[in-house]
Amino acid sequence: MNYSERALLVTAVGDDRTIVLPASIPRGATIGIVVLSNPPAPELSRKARFKAALAEIEAAIVHSERQPIPVLPDAEFNALIEHARKDSTPLE
């Protein structure tokens, strides 16, 4: 799988468990989700928030190297995505 560099977006999961993305993210786009242990403080500059989020992502990578997350078979992964699509409110 090839990855291309994109801007880092930091957002919070809403009370209804939705994640709001900007309109610039096209429907069907593949996204990665990393749960940050400590959300970057809003009073930090944009650059400082980016560095904090990047540090969390790097820590998650190191953790996953020590305790790999089992890879789901494609069919099971696709079923989870389909289930999430059915349970979510469409983005407009």
Protein backbone atom coordinates (compact mmCIF):
# COMPACT_ATOMS: atom_id res chain seq x y z
CA MET A 1 0.00 0.00 0.00
CA ASN A 2 1.32 3.43 -0.88
CA TYR A 3 0.74 6.49 1.23
CA SER A 4 0.94 10.09 0.15
CA GLU A 5 1.56 13.02 2.45
CA ARG A 6 -1.47 15.09 3.46
CA ALA A 7 -2.15 17.84 5.95
CA LEU A 8 -2.73 16.74 9.55
CA LEU A 9 -6.26 17.43 10.75
CA VAL A 10 -7.06 17.29 14.46
CA THR A 11 -10.68 17.09 15.52
CA ALA A 12 -12.74 15.57 18.31
CA VAL A 13 -15.35 12.82 18.20
CA GLY A 14 -18.76 14.35 18.86
CA ASP A 15 -21.23 13.22 21.51
CA ASP A 16 -23.01 11.22 18.82
CA ARG A 17 -19.62 9.59 17.92
CA THR A 18 -19.33 11.42 14.60
CA ILE A 19 -16.16 12.99 13.27
CA VAL A 20 -16.69 16.20 11.33
CA LEU A 21 -14.29 16.68 8.43
CA PRO A 22 -13.86 19.74 6.23
CA ALA A 23 -15.53 19.75 2.82
CA SER A 24 -12.05 19.54 1.25
CA ILE A 25 -11.92 15.85 2.24
CA PRO A 26 -13.73 14.05 -0.61
CA ARG A 27 -16.33 11.35 -0.04
CA GLY A 28 -14.73 7.93 -0.18
CA ALA A 29 -11.32 9.25 0.89
CA THR A 30 -9.20 6.89 2.97
CA ILE A 31 -8.39 8.44 6.34
CA GLY A 32 -6.37 7.34 9.35
CA ILE A 33 -7.59 7.83 12.89
CA VAL A 34 -5.27 8.05 15.87
CA VAL A 35 -6.72 8.46 19.36
CA LEU A 36 -4.54 11.00 21.16
CA SER A 37 -4.01 10.33 24.83
CA ASN A 38 -3.90 14.05 25.59
CA PRO A 39 -5.54 16.42 23.13
CA PRO A 40 -3.28 19.35 22.24
CA ALA A 41 -4.15 22.39 24.34
CA PRO A 42 -6.11 24.99 22.35
CA GLU A 43 -3.91 27.81 23.63
CA LEU A 44 -0.89 26.29 21.89
CA SER A 45 0.09 27.67 18.53
CA ARG A 46 -0.89 25.75 15.42
CA LYS A 47 2.70 24.56 15.02
CA ALA A 48 2.86 23.40 18.66
CA ARG A 49 -0.45 21.49 18.28
CA PHE A 50 0.91 19.84 15.14
CA LYS A 51 4.10 18.82 16.99
CA ALA A 52 2.05 17.42 19.90
CA ALA A 53 -0.17 15.41 17.56
CA LEU A 54 2.86 14.17 15.61
CA ALA A 55 4.52 13.04 18.86
CA GLU A 56 1.36 11.06 19.73
CA ILE A 57 1.34 9.43 16.28
CA GLU A 58 5.02 8.49 16.63
CA ALA A 59 4.35 7.03 20.09
CA ALA A 60 1.46 4.99 18.64
CA ILE A 61 3.77 3.65 15.93
CA VAL A 62 6.39 2.62 18.51
CA HIS A 63 3.67 0.99 20.64
CA SER A 64 2.29 -0.92 17.64
CA GLU A 65 5.77 -2.21 16.85
CA ARG A 66 6.01 -3.68 20.37
CA GLN A 67 2.41 -4.91 20.46
CA PRO A 68 1.19 -5.24 16.88
CA ILE A 69 -2.49 -4.79 16.24
CA PRO A 70 -3.88 -7.88 14.52
CA VAL A 71 -4.62 -7.18 10.88
CA LEU A 72 -8.22 -7.90 9.97
CA PRO A 73 -8.97 -9.84 6.82
CA ASP A 74 -10.13 -7.54 4.00
CA ALA A 75 -13.68 -8.90 4.12
CA GLU A 76 -14.01 -8.20 7.86
CA PHE A 77 -12.48 -4.73 7.50
CA ASN A 78 -14.81 -3.89 4.61
CA ALA A 79 -17.79 -5.13 6.65
CA LEU A 80 -16.81 -2.80 9.51
CA ILE A 81 -16.56 0.15 7.10
CA GLU A 82 -19.95 -0.69 5.59
CA HIS A 83 -21.48 -0.96 9.08
CA ALA A 84 -20.02 2.45 10.04
CA ARG A 85 -21.39 4.01 6.85
CA LYS A 86 -24.89 2.69 7.57
CA ASP A 87 -24.78 3.95 11.17
CA SER A 88 -23.50 7.45 10.35
CA THR A 89 -25.31 10.54 9.24
CA PRO A 90 -24.36 11.42 5.66
CA LEU A 91 -22.03 14.38 5.27
CA GLU A 92 -23.44 17.20 3.16
